[in-house]
Amino acid sequence: ITPYKGDAARDPAYRRFNDYHAVKRVKIKHAFGVLKGCWHSLRGLSIRINSPEQDHERVTKWISACILLHNLLA
């Protein structure tokens, strides 16, 4: 989701949404930082994408495995 920009961002309701959106985005970035700090394989997840479907599935499973292990070990 993109935050509101321009004239719409001046409306108090949209401004509240943008603030809420920014707070959540920062928390998500921090979560990724924690995961990358614990699992160095995520830092340079350098997978050459030859077949997008297979590679996307493999990357998704790899990230899910790191999240699962992190939750089990924490």
PDB file of N, CA and C in Angstrom:
ATOM      1  N   ILE A   1       0.860  -1.171   0.000  1.00  0.00           N
ATOM      2  CA  ILE A   1       0.000   0.000   0.000  1.00  0.00           C
ATOM      3  C   ILE A   1       0.903   1.229   0.000  1.00  0.00           C
ATOM      4  N   THR A   2       0.557   2.166  -0.819  1.00  0.00           N
ATOM      5  CA  THR A   2       1.326   3.411  -0.881  1.00  0.00           C
ATOM      6  C   THR A   2       0.653   4.466  -0.014  1.00  0.00           C
ATOM      7  N   PRO A   3       1.450   5.269   0.673  1.00  0.00           N
ATOM      8  CA  PRO A   3       0.854   6.359   1.455  1.00  0.00           C
ATOM      9  C   PRO A   3       0.249   7.410   0.530  1.00  0.00           C
ATOM     10  N   TYR A   4      -0.663   8.178   1.080  1.00  0.00           N
ATOM     11  CA  TYR A   4      -1.286   9.252   0.302  1.00  0.00           C
ATOM     12  C   TYR A   4      -0.280  10.375   0.085  1.00  0.00           C
ATOM     13  N   LYS A   5      -0.333  10.981  -1.091  1.00  0.00           N
ATOM     14  CA  LYS A   5       0.596  12.059  -1.428  1.00  0.00           C
ATOM     15  C   LYS A   5      -0.188  13.264  -1.924  1.00  0.00           C
ATOM     16  N   GLY A   6       0.480  14.372  -2.012  1.00  0.00           N
ATOM     17  CA  GLY A   6      -0.119  15.575  -2.586  1.00  0.00           C
ATOM     18  C   GLY A   6      -1.212  16.179  -1.723  1.00  0.00           C
ATOM     19  N   ASP A   7      -2.251  16.648  -2.361  1.00  0.00           N
ATOM     20  CA  ASP A   7      -3.351  17.322  -1.660  1.00  0.00           C
ATOM     21  C   ASP A   7      -4.081  16.387  -0.714  1.00  0.00           C
ATOM     22  N   ALA A   8      -4.179  15.121  -1.058  1.00  0.00           N
ATOM     23  CA  ALA A   8      -4.885  14.165  -0.199  1.00  0.00           C
ATOM     24  C   ALA A   8      -4.182  14.012   1.147  1.00  0.00           C
ATOM     25  N   ALA A   9      -2.867  14.151   1.172  1.00  0.00           N
ATOM     26  CA  ALA A   9      -2.109  13.970   2.405  1.00  0.00           C
ATOM     27  C   ALA A   9      -2.375  15.086   3.412  1.00  0.00           C
ATOM     28  N   ARG A  10      -3.000  16.148   2.984  1.00  0.00           N
ATOM     29  CA  ARG A  10      -3.289  17.267   3.907  1.00  0.00           C
ATOM     30  C   ARG A  10      -4.531  17.000   4.747  1.00  0.00           C
ATOM     31  N   ASP A  11      -5.387  16.136   4.291  1.00  0.00           N
ATOM     32  CA  ASP A  11      -6.604  15.783   5.030  1.00  0.00           C
ATOM     33  C   ASP A  11      -6.206  15.047   6.316  1.00  0.00           C
ATOM     34  N   PRO A  12      -6.785  15.415   7.462  1.00  0.00           N
ATOM     35  CA  PRO A  12      -6.405  14.781   8.733  1.00  0.00           C
ATOM     36  C   PRO A  12      -6.586  13.256   8.738  1.00  0.00           C
ATOM     37  N   ALA A  13      -7.626  12.754   8.114  1.00  0.00           N
ATOM     38  CA  ALA A  13      -7.840  11.299   8.088  1.00  0.00           C
ATOM     39  C   ALA A  13      -6.735  10.612   7.292  1.00  0.00           C
ATOM     40  N   TYR A  14      -6.365  11.200   6.163  1.00  0.00           N
ATOM     41  CA  TYR A  14      -5.295  10.621   5.355  1.00  0.00           C
ATOM     42  C   TYR A  14      -3.946  10.766   6.046  1.00  0.00           C
ATOM     43  N   ARG A  15      -3.759  11.861   6.750  1.00  0.00           N
ATOM     44  CA  ARG A  15      -2.507  12.058   7.484  1.00  0.00           C
ATOM     45  C   ARG A  15      -2.361  11.000   8.576  1.00  0.00           C
ATOM     46  N   ARG A  16      -3.485  10.710   9.270  1.00  0.00           N
ATOM     47  CA  ARG A  16      -3.477   9.664  10.298  1.00  0.00           C
ATOM     48  C   ARG A  16      -3.120   8.314   9.674  1.00  0.00           C
ATOM     49  N   PHE A  17      -3.713   8.037   8.523  1.00  0.00           N
ATOM     50  CA  PHE A  17      -3.393   6.797   7.819  1.00  0.00           C
ATOM     51  C   PHE A  17      -1.914   6.743   7.473  1.00  0.00           C
ATOM     52  N   ASN A  18      -1.363   7.843   6.946  1.00  0.00           N
ATOM     53  CA  ASN A  18       0.052   7.876   6.582  1.00  0.00           C
ATOM     54  C   ASN A  18       0.952   7.651   7.799  1.00  0.00           C
ATOM     55  N   ASP A  19       0.592   8.240   8.936  1.00  0.00           N
ATOM     56  CA  ASP A  19       1.376   8.041  10.159  1.00  0.00           C
ATOM     57  C   ASP A  19       1.330   6.582  10.600  1.00  0.00           C
ATOM     58  N   TYR A  20       0.134   6.005  10.594  1.00  0.00           N
ATOM     59  CA  TYR A  20      -0.039   4.604  10.973  1.00  0.00           C
ATOM     60  C   TYR A  20       0.750   3.707  10.019  1.00  0.00           C
ATOM     61  N   HIS A  21       0.671   4.001   8.753  1.00  0.00           N
ATOM     62  CA  HIS A  21       1.375   3.242   7.726  1.00  0.00           C
ATOM     63  C   HIS A  21       2.886   3.309   7.950  1.00  0.00           C
ATOM     64  N   ALA A  22       3.408   4.479   8.270  1.00  0.00           N
ATOM     65  CA  ALA A  22       4.847   4.651   8.474  1.00  0.00           C
ATOM     66  C   ALA A  22       5.328   3.862   9.683  1.00  0.00           C
ATOM     67  N   VAL A  23       4.552   3.871  10.767  1.00  0.00           N
ATOM     68  CA  VAL A  23       4.933   3.128  11.971  1.00  0.00           C
ATOM     69  C   VAL A  23       5.002   1.637  11.672  1.00  0.00           C
ATOM     70  N   LYS A  24       4.005   1.126  10.987  1.00  0.00           N
ATOM     71  CA  LYS A  24       3.984  -0.309  10.650  1.00  0.00           C
ATOM     72  C   LYS A  24       5.125  -0.674   9.713  1.00  0.00           C
ATOM     73  N   ARG A  25       5.430   0.206   8.747  1.00  0.00           N
ATOM     74  CA  ARG A  25       6.514  -0.080   7.809  1.00  0.00           C
ATOM     75  C   ARG A  25       7.860  -0.162   8.524  1.00  0.00           C
ATOM     76  N   VAL A  26       8.078   0.714   9.499  1.00  0.00           N
ATOM     77  CA  VAL A  26       9.330   0.692  10.257  1.00  0.00           C
ATOM     78  C   VAL A  26       9.438  -0.600  11.058  1.00  0.00           C
ATOM     79  N   LYS A  27       8.331  -1.036  11.666  1.00  0.00           N
ATOM     80  CA  LYS A  27       8.357  -2.287  12.442  1.00  0.00           C
ATOM     81  C   LYS A  27       8.678  -3.483  11.549  1.00  0.00           C
ATOM     82  N   ILE A  28       8.139  -3.488  10.348  1.00  0.00           N
ATOM     83  CA  ILE A  28       8.425  -4.583   9.416  1.00  0.00           C
ATOM     84  C   ILE A  28       9.893  -4.563   9.017  1.00  0.00           C
ATOM     85  N   LYS A  29      10.433  -3.375   8.765  1.00  0.00           N
ATOM     86  CA  LYS A  29      11.855  -3.273   8.414  1.00  0.00           C
ATOM     87  C   LYS A  29      12.742  -3.746   9.562  1.00  0.00           C
ATOM     88  N   HIS A  30      12.360  -3.440  10.784  1.00  0.00           N
ATOM     89  CA  HIS A  30      13.127  -3.904  11.940  1.00  0.00           C
ATOM     90  C   HIS A  30      13.079  -5.426  12.048  1.00  0.00           C
ATOM     91  N   ALA A  31      11.914  -6.010  11.773  1.00  0.00           N
ATOM     92  CA  ALA A  31      11.782  -7.466  11.822  1.00  0.00           C
ATOM     93  C   ALA A  31      12.698  -8.121  10.791  1.00  0.00           C
ATOM     94  N   PHE A  32      12.749  -7.552   9.573  1.00  0.00           N
ATOM     95  CA  PHE A  32      13.661  -8.083   8.569  1.00  0.00           C
ATOM     96  C   PHE A  32      15.108  -7.927   8.999  1.00  0.00           C
ATOM     97  N   GLY A  33      15.425  -6.826   9.654  1.00  0.00           N
ATOM     98  CA  GLY A  33      16.792  -6.615  10.140  1.00  0.00           C
ATOM     99  C   GLY A  33      17.180  -7.649  11.176  1.00  0.00           C
ATOM    100  N   VAL A  34      16.272  -7.980  12.077  1.00  0.00           N
ATOM    101  CA  VAL A  34      16.538  -9.004  13.090  1.00  0.00           C
ATOM    102  C   VAL A  34      16.770 -10.351  12.421  1.00  0.00           C
ATOM    103  N   LEU A  35      15.926 -10.690  11.475  1.00  0.00           N
ATOM    104  CA  LEU A  35      16.097 -11.966  10.767  1.00  0.00           C
ATOM    105  C   LEU A  35      17.425 -12.024  10.021  1.00  0.00           C
ATOM    106  N   LYS A  36      17.777 -10.941   9.347  1.00  0.00           N
ATOM    107  CA  LYS A  36      19.042 -10.928   8.619  1.00  0.00           C
ATOM    108  C   LYS A  36      20.235 -10.973   9.558  1.00  0.00           C
ATOM    109  N   GLY A  37      20.063 -10.436  10.774  1.00  0.00           N
ATOM    110  CA  GLY A  37      21.140 -10.497  11.751  1.00  0.00           C
ATOM    111  C   GLY A  37      21.366 -11.900  12.278  1.00  0.00           C
ATOM    112  N   CYS A  38      20.296 -12.663  12.410  1.00  0.00           N
ATOM    113  CA  CYS A  38      20.396 -14.027  12.930  1.00  0.00           C
ATOM    114  C   CYS A  38      20.739 -15.040  11.846  1.00  0.00           C
ATOM    115  N   TRP A  39      20.236 -14.837  10.669  1.00  0.00           N
ATOM    116  CA  TRP A  39      20.401 -15.793   9.585  1.00  0.00           C
ATOM    117  C   TRP A  39      21.152 -15.112   8.445  1.00  0.00           C
ATOM    118  N   HIS A  40      22.460 -15.312   8.450  1.00  0.00           N
ATOM    119  CA  HIS A  40      23.311 -14.628   7.481  1.00  0.00           C
ATOM    120  C   HIS A  40      23.020 -15.050   6.042  1.00  0.00           C
ATOM    121  N   SER A  41      22.402 -16.192   5.877  1.00  0.00           N
ATOM    122  CA  SER A  41      22.078 -16.630   4.516  1.00  0.00           C
ATOM    123  C   SER A  41      21.033 -15.722   3.879  1.00  0.00           C
ATOM    124  N   LEU A  42      20.285 -14.982   4.685  1.00  0.00           N
ATOM    125  CA  LEU A  42      19.285 -14.072   4.136  1.00  0.00           C
ATOM    126  C   LEU A  42      19.902 -12.757   3.669  1.00  0.00           C
ATOM    127  N   ARG A  43      21.077 -12.437   4.168  1.00  0.00           N
ATOM    128  CA  ARG A  43      21.710 -11.164   3.788  1.00  0.00           C
ATOM    129  C   ARG A  43      21.970 -11.095   2.298  1.00  0.00           C
ATOM    130  N   GLY A  44      22.558 -12.123   1.783  1.00  0.00           N
ATOM    131  CA  GLY A  44      22.873 -12.116   0.359  1.00  0.00           C
ATOM    132  C   GLY A  44      22.136 -13.221  -0.340  1.00  0.00           C
ATOM    133  N   LEU A  45      20.856 -13.228  -0.198  1.00  0.00           N
ATOM    134  CA  LEU A  45      20.052 -14.283  -0.808  1.00  0.00           C
ATOM    135  C   LEU A  45      20.176 -14.158  -2.317  1.00  0.00           C
ATOM    136  N   SER A  46      21.371 -14.515  -2.766  1.00  0.00           N
ATOM    137  CA  SER A  46      21.680 -14.327  -4.187  1.00  0.00           C
ATOM    138  C   SER A  46      21.310 -15.588  -4.950  1.00  0.00           C
ATOM    139  N   ILE A  47      20.121 -15.584  -5.420  1.00  0.00           N
ATOM    140  CA  ILE A  47      19.650 -16.707  -6.230  1.00  0.00           C
ATOM    141  C   ILE A  47      19.372 -16.158  -7.620  1.00  0.00           C
ATOM    142  N   ARG A  48      20.005 -16.764  -8.550  1.00  0.00           N
ATOM    143  CA  ARG A  48      19.811 -16.336  -9.926  1.00  0.00           C
ATOM    144  C   ARG A  48      18.468 -16.875 -10.402  1.00  0.00           C
ATOM    145  N   ILE A  49      17.624 -15.996 -10.829  1.00  0.00           N
ATOM    146  CA  ILE A  49      16.281 -16.394 -11.211  1.00  0.00           C
ATOM    147  C   ILE A  49      16.272 -16.775 -12.681  1.00  0.00           C
ATOM    148  N   ASN A  50      16.285 -18.086 -12.913  1.00  0.00           N
ATOM    149  CA  ASN A  50      16.201 -18.603 -14.272  1.00  0.00           C
ATOM    150  C   ASN A  50      14.764 -18.957 -14.621  1.00  0.00           C
ATOM    151  N   SER A  51      14.116 -19.615 -13.694  1.00  0.00           N
ATOM    152  CA  SER A  51      12.697 -19.931 -13.885  1.00  0.00           C
ATOM    153  C   SER A  51      11.957 -19.293 -12.723  1.00  0.00           C
ATOM    154  N   PRO A  52      11.262 -18.203 -12.954  1.00  0.00           N
ATOM    155  CA  PRO A  52      10.663 -17.418 -11.870  1.00  0.00           C
ATOM    156  C   PRO A  52       9.789 -18.212 -10.907  1.00  0.00           C
ATOM    157  N   GLU A  53       9.019 -19.164 -11.390  1.00  0.00           N
ATOM    158  CA  GLU A  53       8.121 -19.888 -10.495  1.00  0.00           C
ATOM    159  C   GLU A  53       8.892 -20.760  -9.517  1.00  0.00           C
ATOM    160  N   GLN A  54       9.843 -21.539 -10.006  1.00  0.00           N
ATOM    161  CA  GLN A  54      10.607 -22.427  -9.134  1.00  0.00           C
ATOM    162  C   GLN A  54      11.483 -21.627  -8.174  1.00  0.00           C
ATOM    163  N   ASP A  55      12.173 -20.629  -8.683  1.00  0.00           N
ATOM    164  CA  ASP A  55      13.065 -19.836  -7.838  1.00  0.00           C
ATOM    165  C   ASP A  55      12.284 -19.056  -6.794  1.00  0.00           C
ATOM    166  N   HIS A  56      11.146 -18.518  -7.174  1.00  0.00           N
ATOM    167  CA  HIS A  56      10.313 -17.776  -6.221  1.00  0.00           C
ATOM    168  C   HIS A  56       9.834 -18.700  -5.109  1.00  0.00           C
ATOM    169  N   GLU A  57       9.434 -19.904  -5.485  1.00  0.00           N
ATOM    170  CA  GLU A  57       8.979 -20.872  -4.483  1.00  0.00           C
ATOM    171  C   GLU A  57      10.119 -21.273  -3.548  1.00  0.00           C
ATOM    172  N   ARG A  58      11.309 -21.471  -4.100  1.00  0.00           N
ATOM    173  CA  ARG A  58      12.462 -21.862  -3.285  1.00  0.00           C
ATOM    174  C   ARG A  58      12.852 -20.743  -2.314  1.00  0.00           C
ATOM    175  N   VAL A  59      12.874 -19.508  -2.784  1.00  0.00           N
ATOM    176  CA  VAL A  59      13.209 -18.375  -1.920  1.00  0.00           C
ATOM    177  C   VAL A  59      12.169 -18.219  -0.817  1.00  0.00           C
ATOM    178  N   THR A  60      10.892 -18.361  -1.180  1.00  0.00           N
ATOM    179  CA  THR A  60       9.818 -18.241  -0.187  1.00  0.00           C
ATOM    180  C   THR A  60       9.949 -19.310   0.884  1.00  0.00           C
ATOM    181  N   LYS A  61      10.254 -20.535   0.479  1.00  0.00           N
ATOM    182  CA  LYS A  61      10.429 -21.625   1.453  1.00  0.00           C
ATOM    183  C   LYS A  61      11.648 -21.381   2.337  1.00  0.00           C
ATOM    184  N   TRP A  62      12.718 -20.843   1.757  1.00  0.00           N
ATOM    185  CA  TRP A  62      13.934 -20.565   2.526  1.00  0.00           C
ATOM    186  C   TRP A  62      13.671 -19.506   3.599  1.00  0.00           C
ATOM    187  N   ILE A  63      12.995 -18.437   3.229  1.00  0.00           N
ATOM    188  CA  ILE A  63      12.666 -17.374   4.181  1.00  0.00           C
ATOM    189  C   ILE A  63      11.725 -17.904   5.250  1.00  0.00           C
ATOM    190  N   SER A  64      10.742 -18.711   4.850  1.00  0.00           N
ATOM    191  CA  SER A  64       9.804 -19.293   5.823  1.00  0.00           C
ATOM    192  C   SER A  64      10.533 -20.204   6.802  1.00  0.00           C
ATOM    193  N   ALA A  65      11.491 -20.968   6.313  1.00  0.00           N
ATOM    194  CA  ALA A  65      12.265 -21.845   7.197  1.00  0.00           C
ATOM    195  C   ALA A  65      13.069 -21.032   8.204  1.00  0.00           C
ATOM    196  N   CYS A  66      13.654 -19.928   7.769  1.00  0.00           N
ATOM    197  CA  CYS A  66      14.413 -19.073   8.692  1.00  0.00           C
ATOM    198  C   CYS A  66      13.497 -18.461   9.747  1.00  0.00           C
ATOM    199  N   ILE A  67      12.306 -18.036   9.346  1.00  0.00           N
ATOM    200  CA  ILE A  67      11.351 -17.462  10.298  1.00  0.00           C
ATOM    201  C   ILE A  67      10.919 -18.534  11.292  1.00  0.00           C
ATOM    202  N   LEU A  68      10.640 -19.743  10.809  1.00  0.00           N
ATOM    203  CA  LEU A  68      10.231 -20.837  11.687  1.00  0.00           C
ATOM    204  C   LEU A  68      11.330 -21.167  12.696  1.00  0.00           C
ATOM    205  N   LEU A  69      12.554 -21.300  12.217  1.00  0.00           N
ATOM    206  CA  LEU A  69      13.676 -21.604  13.119  1.00  0.00           C
ATOM    207  C   LEU A  69      13.887 -20.488  14.129  1.00  0.00           C
ATOM    208  N   HIS A  70      13.748 -19.262  13.673  1.00  0.00           N
ATOM    209  CA  HIS A  70      13.918 -18.124  14.585  1.00  0.00           C
ATOM    210  C   HIS A  70      12.888 -18.181  15.704  1.00  0.00           C
ATOM    211  N   ASN A  71      11.634 -18.489  15.353  1.00  0.00           N
ATOM    212  CA  ASN A  71      10.580 -18.558  16.359  1.00  0.00           C
ATOM    213  C   ASN A  71      10.765 -19.750  17.294  1.00  0.00           C
ATOM    214  N   LEU A  72      11.284 -20.856  16.789  1.00  0.00           N
ATOM    215  CA  LEU A  72      11.510 -22.020  17.640  1.00  0.00           C
ATOM    216  C   LEU A  72      12.675 -21.817  18.605  1.00  0.00           C
ATOM    217  N   LEU A  73      13.689 -21.104  18.140  1.00  0.00           N
ATOM    218  CA  LEU A  73      14.906 -20.928  18.950  1.00  0.00           C
ATOM    219  C   LEU A  73      14.835 -19.701  19.869  1.00  0.00           C
ATOM    220  N   ALA A  74      13.897 -18.824  19.623  1.00  0.00           N
ATOM    221  CA  ALA A  74      13.819 -17.596  20.424  1.00  0.00           C
ATOM    222  C   ALA A  74      13.096 -17.823  21.726  1.00  0.00           C
TER     223      ALA A  74
END
